[in-house]
Amino acid sequence: MQNIGQRIRISREQKKLSLNKFAELLGVSPSYLSNLERGNTKNIDLDVLMSLNEQLHLFPLETKMNSNNEYELRLSQVTKSILQLNQSNPAIASFLLSQLEYGVETFINSSMDRMTHLSKSMHN
């Protein structure tokens, strides 16, 4: 458990989450999380383990996934992160979402313009 505990602590600190705040997010007591990080807990409840992985991305996918599934997984994770951020900082979540929307719209419009230009030049 020591190795996973160290990974949890390092990942939590990289995300700038206090022990108390992260324990609250996981739905566990700060003392349980502290024991987990120090390797003093022998068993981890599956729900807690899944929440840890969802929050910190501790465990890489073990199975090979095709690129479409991986893309959907990444998109789903970003969606969850923005929704979570919206609870603590709606202004930042809204800003990030609007930037994503703007970027996608700009790229699509730019691609359409290039395709139209290409089509016209092929007909000339």
Protein backbone atom coordinates (compact mmCIF):
# COMPACT_ATOMS: atom_id res chain seq x y z
CA MET A 1 0.00 0.00 0.00
CA GLN A 2 2.95 2.33 0.53
CA ASN A 3 3.53 2.81 -3.21
CA ILE A 4 -0.09 3.65 -4.00
CA GLY A 5 -0.27 5.89 -0.94
CA GLN A 6 2.73 7.85 -2.16
CA ARG A 7 1.16 8.16 -5.62
CA ILE A 8 -2.06 9.44 -4.05
CA ARG A 9 -0.27 12.04 -1.94
CA ILE A 10 1.95 13.25 -4.79
CA SER A 11 -0.97 13.47 -7.23
CA ARG A 12 -3.16 15.23 -4.67
CA GLU A 13 -0.43 17.77 -3.93
CA GLN A 14 0.19 18.35 -7.65
CA LYS A 15 -3.50 19.24 -7.98
CA LYS A 16 -3.04 21.64 -5.05
CA LEU A 17 -5.68 19.86 -2.97
CA SER A 18 -5.40 19.88 0.81
CA LEU A 19 -5.82 16.59 2.65
CA ASN A 20 -9.08 17.79 4.18
CA LYS A 21 -10.53 19.06 0.89
CA PHE A 22 -9.59 15.90 -0.99
CA ALA A 23 -10.99 13.68 1.76
CA GLU A 24 -14.23 15.62 1.49
CA LEU A 25 -14.30 15.12 -2.30
CA LEU A 26 -13.78 11.38 -1.83
CA GLY A 27 -16.34 11.12 0.96
CA VAL A 28 -13.84 9.77 3.49
CA SER A 29 -12.41 11.14 6.71
CA PRO A 30 -9.12 13.06 6.61
CA SER A 31 -7.58 10.51 8.99
CA TYR A 32 -8.51 7.64 6.65
CA LEU A 33 -6.94 9.47 3.69
CA SER A 34 -3.85 10.29 5.76
CA ASN A 35 -3.47 6.63 6.74
CA LEU A 36 -3.96 5.61 3.13
CA GLU A 37 -1.27 8.02 1.93
CA ARG A 38 1.17 6.80 4.60
CA GLY A 39 0.55 3.14 3.76
CA ASN A 40 -1.17 2.40 7.07
CA THR A 41 -4.37 1.08 5.48
CA LYS A 42 -4.38 -2.51 4.29
CA ASN A 43 -7.66 -2.45 2.33
CA ILE A 44 -9.26 0.17 0.13
CA ASP A 45 -13.00 0.11 -0.55
CA LEU A 46 -13.67 -0.31 -4.28
CA ASP A 47 -15.78 2.87 -4.38
CA VAL A 48 -12.94 4.86 -2.83
CA LEU A 49 -10.45 3.32 -5.24
CA MET A 50 -12.63 4.24 -8.21
CA SER A 51 -13.05 7.79 -6.89
CA LEU A 52 -9.29 8.09 -6.39
CA ASN A 53 -8.68 6.99 -9.95
CA GLU A 54 -11.36 9.33 -11.28
CA GLN A 55 -9.88 12.30 -9.42
CA LEU A 56 -6.16 11.55 -9.85
CA HIS A 57 -5.90 9.19 -12.86
CA LEU A 58 -3.64 6.86 -10.89
CA PHE A 59 -4.09 3.74 -12.96
CA PRO A 60 -3.49 3.68 -16.71
CA LEU A 61 -5.93 1.69 -18.76
CA GLU A 62 -4.85 -1.92 -18.72
CA THR A 63 -6.63 -2.90 -21.88
CA LYS A 64 -5.84 -1.76 -25.37
CA MET A 65 -8.54 0.56 -26.57
CA ASN A 66 -9.17 1.73 -30.07
CA SER A 67 -8.64 5.42 -30.64
CA ASN A 68 -12.37 6.18 -30.78
CA ASN A 69 -12.98 4.67 -27.32
CA GLU A 70 -9.94 6.46 -25.94
CA TYR A 71 -11.19 9.74 -27.40
CA GLU A 72 -14.63 9.22 -25.86
CA LEU A 73 -13.03 8.39 -22.51
CA ARG A 74 -10.91 11.55 -22.62
CA LEU A 75 -13.91 13.64 -23.64
CA SER A 76 -15.96 12.14 -20.81
CA GLN A 77 -13.19 12.90 -18.31
CA VAL A 78 -12.93 16.52 -19.47
CA THR A 79 -16.71 16.86 -19.20
CA LYS A 80 -16.65 15.53 -15.62
CA SER A 81 -13.78 17.86 -14.74
CA ILE A 82 -15.56 20.93 -16.11
CA LEU A 83 -18.76 19.98 -14.29
CA GLN A 84 -16.80 19.54 -11.06
CA LEU A 85 -15.00 22.84 -11.60
CA ASN A 86 -18.36 24.50 -12.20
CA GLN A 87 -19.36 23.62 -8.63
CA SER A 88 -16.36 25.35 -7.10
CA ASN A 89 -15.64 28.06 -9.67
CA PRO A 90 -18.45 28.63 -12.20
CA ALA A 91 -16.73 31.59 -13.85
CA ILE A 92 -13.60 29.59 -14.72
CA ALA A 93 -15.67 26.60 -15.87
CA SER A 94 -17.73 28.86 -18.11
CA PHE A 95 -14.59 30.50 -19.49
CA LEU A 96 -12.97 27.15 -20.33
CA LEU A 97 -16.14 25.85 -21.95
CA SER A 98 -16.55 29.01 -24.03
CA GLN A 99 -12.91 28.76 -25.16
CA LEU A 100 -13.45 25.16 -26.22
CA GLU A 101 -16.62 26.08 -28.10
CA TYR A 102 -14.90 29.01 -29.79
CA GLY A 103 -11.92 26.87 -30.78
CA VAL A 104 -14.09 24.13 -32.27
CA GLU A 105 -16.26 26.64 -34.15
CA THR A 106 -13.21 28.48 -35.48
CA PHE A 107 -11.58 25.26 -36.64
CA ILE A 108 -14.74 24.00 -38.32
CA ASN A 109 -15.31 27.32 -40.11
CA SER A 110 -11.67 27.43 -41.18
CA SER A 111 -11.86 23.88 -42.52
CA MET A 112 -15.05 24.66 -44.42
CA ASP A 113 -13.46 27.77 -45.94
CA ARG A 114 -10.44 25.75 -47.08
CA MET A 115 -12.67 23.03 -48.55
CA THR A 116 -14.76 25.63 -50.42
CA HIS A 117 -11.61 27.29 -51.74
CA LEU A 118 -10.19 23.92 -52.83
CA SER A 119 -13.45 22.98 -54.54
CA LYS A 120 -13.55 26.28 -56.45
CA SER A 121 -9.93 25.96 -57.58
CA MET A 122 -10.57 22.40 -58.84
CA HIS A 123 -13.46 23.61 -60.99
CA ASN A 124 -11.43 26.45 -62.56
